[in-house]
């Protein structure tokens, strides 16, 4: 009887986890960011588009770092070129503070591609400054190939 009950609990847990995965996937399709783990390059790329709220920014960062941990990857490319709205400087500061508490933070190397809208360039530049102050290796680029070269190269 106990074995049957244990089997039933495992089956119910499986159904619950499967339902959560489906919900999570459906939600991420509507998010203004997309994460790609490149097979040909040892990098995780996060592409941002549209308007990005503080909640979405933090969710994107957490998921990006999670994918990086899963794949033992510390090289990240943040493509901000399609942002229409950026989080505030205060939000970026809070995110840097949160990431810096992780032991993983000092091994990160992130290249950011500049947004096309000049109003958000200041925020991306601020992220570079606050990231470096917190111990991340962060640089901002206008050219994708230069960003990839820096990421995969030895230079800091």
C-alpha atoms as a PDB file:
ATOM      1  CA  UNK A   1       0.000   0.000   0.000  1.00  0.00           C
ATOM      2  CA  UNK A   2       2.823   2.412   0.883  1.00  0.00           C
ATOM      3  CA  UNK A   3       4.543   1.614  -2.426  1.00  0.00           C
ATOM      4  CA  UNK A   4       1.348   2.356  -4.351  1.00  0.00           C
ATOM      5  CA  UNK A   5       0.926   5.687  -2.521  1.00  0.00           C
ATOM      6  CA  UNK A   6       4.579   6.615  -3.237  1.00  0.00           C
ATOM      7  CA  UNK A   7       4.066   5.808  -6.923  1.00  0.00           C
ATOM      8  CA  UNK A   8       0.919   7.964  -6.958  1.00  0.00           C
ATOM      9  CA  UNK A   9       2.791  10.908  -5.350  1.00  0.00           C
ATOM     10  CA  UNK A  10       5.619  10.656  -7.874  1.00  0.00           C
ATOM     11  CA  UNK A  11       3.110  10.565 -10.726  1.00  0.00           C
ATOM     12  CA  UNK A  12       1.323  13.653  -9.392  1.00  0.00           C
ATOM     13  CA  UNK A  13       4.629  15.467  -8.916  1.00  0.00           C
ATOM     14  CA  UNK A  14       5.581  14.630 -12.509  1.00  0.00           C
ATOM     15  CA  UNK A  15       2.267  16.027 -13.763  1.00  0.00           C
ATOM     16  CA  UNK A  16       2.805  19.199 -11.727  1.00  0.00           C
ATOM     17  CA  UNK A  17       6.372  19.718 -12.979  1.00  0.00           C
ATOM     18  CA  UNK A  18       5.284  19.067 -16.586  1.00  0.00           C
ATOM     19  CA  UNK A  19       2.506  21.629 -16.252  1.00  0.00           C
ATOM     20  CA  UNK A  20       4.946  24.182 -14.798  1.00  0.00           C
ATOM     21  CA  UNK A  21       7.364  23.654 -17.692  1.00  0.00           C
ATOM     22  CA  UNK A  22       4.580  24.251 -20.188  1.00  0.00           C
ATOM     23  CA  UNK A  23       3.503  27.429 -18.392  1.00  0.00           C
ATOM     24  CA  UNK A  24       7.079  28.684 -18.222  1.00  0.00           C
ATOM     25  CA  UNK A  25       7.638  28.105 -21.938  1.00  0.00           C
ATOM     26  CA  UNK A  26       4.410  29.886 -22.832  1.00  0.00           C
ATOM     27  CA  UNK A  27       5.370  32.890 -20.714  1.00  0.00           C
ATOM     28  CA  UNK A  28       8.888  33.163 -22.129  1.00  0.00           C
ATOM     29  CA  UNK A  29       7.477  33.430 -25.661  1.00  0.00           C
ATOM     30  CA  UNK A  30       5.917  36.763 -24.702  1.00  0.00           C
ATOM     31  CA  UNK A  31       8.962  38.165 -22.925  1.00  0.00           C
ATOM     32  CA  UNK A  32      11.028  40.955 -24.495  1.00  0.00           C
ATOM     33  CA  UNK A  33      14.154  38.777 -24.330  1.00  0.00           C
ATOM     34  CA  UNK A  34      15.385  35.523 -25.808  1.00  0.00           C
ATOM     35  CA  UNK A  35      18.302  33.358 -24.709  1.00  0.00           C
ATOM     36  CA  UNK A  36      20.418  31.313 -27.124  1.00  0.00           C
ATOM     37  CA  UNK A  37      23.190  28.907 -26.169  1.00  0.00           C
ATOM     38  CA  UNK A  38      25.364  28.863 -29.271  1.00  0.00           C
ATOM     39  CA  UNK A  39      26.685  25.474 -30.343  1.00  0.00           C
ATOM     40  CA  UNK A  40      29.458  26.905 -32.537  1.00  0.00           C
ATOM     41  CA  UNK A  41      30.699  29.423 -29.937  1.00  0.00           C
ATOM     42  CA  UNK A  42      31.102  28.975 -26.175  1.00  0.00           C
ATOM     43  CA  UNK A  43      28.732  31.872 -25.397  1.00  0.00           C
ATOM     44  CA  UNK A  44      25.235  32.465 -24.112  1.00  0.00           C
ATOM     45  CA  UNK A  45      23.439  35.254 -25.989  1.00  0.00           C
ATOM     46  CA  UNK A  46      20.491  37.198 -24.644  1.00  0.00           C
ATOM     47  CA  UNK A  47      18.649  39.377 -27.166  1.00  0.00           C
ATOM     48  CA  UNK A  48      16.462  42.116 -25.733  1.00  0.00           C
ATOM     49  CA  UNK A  49      13.666  43.791 -27.679  1.00  0.00           C
ATOM     50  CA  UNK A  50      10.870  46.226 -27.049  1.00  0.00           C
ATOM     51  CA  UNK A  51      10.431  47.641 -23.573  1.00  0.00           C
ATOM     52  CA  UNK A  52      12.133  45.902 -20.694  1.00  0.00           C
ATOM     53  CA  UNK A  53      10.729  46.329 -17.186  1.00  0.00           C
ATOM     54  CA  UNK A  54      12.712  45.791 -13.988  1.00  0.00           C
ATOM     55  CA  UNK A  55      10.955  42.470 -13.407  1.00  0.00           C
ATOM     56  CA  UNK A  56      11.742  41.297 -16.938  1.00  0.00           C
ATOM     57  CA  UNK A  57      15.353  42.454 -16.626  1.00  0.00           C
ATOM     58  CA  UNK A  58      15.867  40.478 -13.415  1.00  0.00           C
ATOM     59  CA  UNK A  59      14.117  37.411 -14.879  1.00  0.00           C
ATOM     60  CA  UNK A  60      16.267  37.577 -18.012  1.00  0.00           C
ATOM     61  CA  UNK A  61      19.459  37.903 -15.956  1.00  0.00           C
ATOM     62  CA  UNK A  62      18.548  35.001 -13.683  1.00  0.00           C
ATOM     63  CA  UNK A  63      17.648  32.731 -16.581  1.00  0.00           C
ATOM     64  CA  UNK A  64      20.749  33.739 -18.568  1.00  0.00           C
ATOM     65  CA  UNK A  65      23.007  32.968 -15.597  1.00  0.00           C
ATOM     66  CA  UNK A  66      21.160  29.701 -15.026  1.00  0.00           C
ATOM     67  CA  UNK A  67      21.755  28.609 -18.626  1.00  0.00           C
ATOM     68  CA  UNK A  68      25.387  29.626 -18.232  1.00  0.00           C
ATOM     69  CA  UNK A  69      25.752  27.490 -15.109  1.00  0.00           C
ATOM     70  CA  UNK A  70      24.052  24.511 -16.776  1.00  0.00           C
ATOM     71  CA  UNK A  71      26.503  24.708 -19.666  1.00  0.00           C
ATOM     72  CA  UNK A  72      29.539  25.731 -17.577  1.00  0.00           C
ATOM     73  CA  UNK A  73      29.758  28.891 -19.661  1.00  0.00           C
ATOM     74  CA  UNK A  74      30.890  32.280 -18.355  1.00  0.00           C
ATOM     75  CA  UNK A  75      30.857  34.187 -21.667  1.00  0.00           C
ATOM     76  CA  UNK A  76      27.744  36.250 -22.348  1.00  0.00           C
ATOM     77  CA  UNK A  77      26.601  38.466 -25.202  1.00  0.00           C
ATOM     78  CA  UNK A  78      23.797  40.923 -24.414  1.00  0.00           C
ATOM     79  CA  UNK A  79      22.229  42.280 -27.590  1.00  0.00           C
ATOM     80  CA  UNK A  80      20.506  45.541 -26.634  1.00  0.00           C
ATOM     81  CA  UNK A  81      20.234  46.789 -30.219  1.00  0.00           C
ATOM     82  CA  UNK A  82      16.439  46.330 -30.388  1.00  0.00           C
ATOM     83  CA  UNK A  83      15.475  47.897 -27.073  1.00  0.00           C
ATOM     84  CA  UNK A  84      12.654  50.446 -27.231  1.00  0.00           C
ATOM     85  CA  UNK A  85      12.607  51.043 -23.495  1.00  0.00           C
ATOM     86  CA  UNK A  86      15.288  50.365 -20.938  1.00  0.00           C
ATOM     87  CA  UNK A  87      15.252  49.827 -17.186  1.00  0.00           C
ATOM     88  CA  UNK A  88      16.313  52.738 -15.036  1.00  0.00           C
ATOM     89  CA  UNK A  89      19.830  53.257 -13.774  1.00  0.00           C
ATOM     90  CA  UNK A  90      18.534  52.365 -10.290  1.00  0.00           C
ATOM     91  CA  UNK A  91      17.247  49.021 -11.608  1.00  0.00           C
ATOM     92  CA  UNK A  92      20.599  48.317 -13.251  1.00  0.00           C
ATOM     93  CA  UNK A  93      22.408  49.147 -10.011  1.00  0.00           C
ATOM     94  CA  UNK A  94      20.128  46.767  -8.080  1.00  0.00           C
ATOM     95  CA  UNK A  95      20.753  44.012 -10.601  1.00  0.00           C
ATOM     96  CA  UNK A  96      24.537  44.457 -10.437  1.00  0.00           C
ATOM     97  CA  UNK A  97      24.344  44.354  -6.648  1.00  0.00           C
ATOM     98  CA  UNK A  98      22.326  41.117  -6.764  1.00  0.00           C
ATOM     99  CA  UNK A  99      24.632  39.431  -9.290  1.00  0.00           C
ATOM    100  CA  UNK A 100      27.757  40.462  -7.376  1.00  0.00           C
ATOM    101  CA  UNK A 101      26.645  38.448  -4.338  1.00  0.00           C
ATOM    102  CA  UNK A 102      27.092  35.268  -6.381  1.00  0.00           C
ATOM    103  CA  UNK A 103      30.444  33.501  -6.330  1.00  0.00           C
ATOM    104  CA  UNK A 104      29.874  33.089 -10.062  1.00  0.00           C
ATOM    105  CA  UNK A 105      30.012  36.855 -10.662  1.00  0.00           C
ATOM    106  CA  UNK A 106      33.794  37.306 -10.808  1.00  0.00           C
ATOM    107  CA  UNK A 107      34.139  34.769 -13.610  1.00  0.00           C
ATOM    108  CA  UNK A 108      31.603  36.517 -15.866  1.00  0.00           C
ATOM    109  CA  UNK A 109      32.637  38.134 -19.114  1.00  0.00           C
ATOM    110  CA  UNK A 110      29.878  40.047 -20.901  1.00  0.00           C
ATOM    111  CA  UNK A 111      29.876  41.971 -24.145  1.00  0.00           C
ATOM    112  CA  UNK A 112      26.932  44.292 -24.779  1.00  0.00           C
ATOM    113  CA  UNK A 113      25.767  45.532 -28.159  1.00  0.00           C
ATOM    114  CA  UNK A 114      24.598  49.142 -28.037  1.00  0.00           C
ATOM    115  CA  UNK A 115      20.941  50.036 -28.457  1.00  0.00           C
ATOM    116  CA  UNK A 116      19.979  51.883 -31.649  1.00  0.00           C
ATOM    117  CA  UNK A 117      18.033  54.503 -29.699  1.00  0.00           C
ATOM    118  CA  UNK A 118      20.431  57.112 -28.253  1.00  0.00           C
ATOM    119  CA  UNK A 119      18.342  57.642 -25.106  1.00  0.00           C
ATOM    120  CA  UNK A 120      19.218  54.138 -23.842  1.00  0.00           C
ATOM    121  CA  UNK A 121      22.936  54.256 -24.620  1.00  0.00           C
ATOM    122  CA  UNK A 122      23.591  56.026 -21.312  1.00  0.00           C
ATOM    123  CA  UNK A 123      21.980  53.138 -19.413  1.00  0.00           C
ATOM    124  CA  UNK A 124      24.096  50.545 -21.229  1.00  0.00           C
ATOM    125  CA  UNK A 125      27.245  52.564 -20.541  1.00  0.00           C
ATOM    126  CA  UNK A 126      26.205  52.764 -16.884  1.00  0.00           C
ATOM    127  CA  UNK A 127      25.841  48.952 -16.796  1.00  0.00           C
ATOM    128  CA  UNK A 128      29.417  48.648 -18.068  1.00  0.00           C
ATOM    129  CA  UNK A 129      30.674  50.995 -15.331  1.00  0.00           C
ATOM    130  CA  UNK A 130      28.725  49.453 -12.461  1.00  0.00           C
ATOM    131  CA  UNK A 131      29.571  45.939 -13.666  1.00  0.00           C
ATOM    132  CA  UNK A 132      33.288  46.694 -13.723  1.00  0.00           C
ATOM    133  CA  UNK A 133      33.023  48.292 -10.268  1.00  0.00           C
ATOM    134  CA  UNK A 134      31.396  45.069  -9.025  1.00  0.00           C
ATOM    135  CA  UNK A 135      34.123  42.871 -10.523  1.00  0.00           C
ATOM    136  CA  UNK A 136      32.498  41.741 -13.779  1.00  0.00           C
ATOM    137  CA  UNK A 137      34.397  41.907 -17.044  1.00  0.00           C
ATOM    138  CA  UNK A 138      31.970  43.992 -19.118  1.00  0.00           C
ATOM    139  CA  UNK A 139      32.443  45.973 -22.324  1.00  0.00           C
ATOM    140  CA  UNK A 140      30.086  47.788 -24.656  1.00  0.00           C
ATOM    141  CA  UNK A 141      30.362  47.463 -28.433  1.00  0.00           C
ATOM    142  CA  UNK A 142      28.657  48.852 -31.518  1.00  0.00           C
ATOM    143  CA  UNK A 143      29.895  46.016 -33.737  1.00  0.00           C
ATOM    144  CA  UNK A 144      28.823  42.390 -33.169  1.00  0.00           C
ATOM    145  CA  UNK A 145      32.005  40.841 -34.558  1.00  0.00           C
ATOM    146  CA  UNK A 146      34.206  43.007 -32.341  1.00  0.00           C
ATOM    147  CA  UNK A 147      32.106  41.942 -29.342  1.00  0.00           C
ATOM    148  CA  UNK A 148      32.477  38.264 -30.246  1.00  0.00           C
ATOM    149  CA  UNK A 149      36.226  38.663 -30.794  1.00  0.00           C
ATOM    150  CA  UNK A 150      36.618  40.281 -27.379  1.00  0.00           C
ATOM    151  CA  UNK A 151      34.478  37.629 -25.694  1.00  0.00           C
ATOM    152  CA  UNK A 152      36.357  34.689 -27.148  1.00  0.00           C
ATOM    153  CA  UNK A 153      39.786  36.350 -26.903  1.00  0.00           C
ATOM    154  CA  UNK A 154      42.158  36.700 -23.964  1.00  0.00           C
ATOM    155  CA  UNK A 155      41.864  40.465 -23.537  1.00  0.00           C
ATOM    156  CA  UNK A 156      39.907  41.994 -20.665  1.00  0.00           C
END
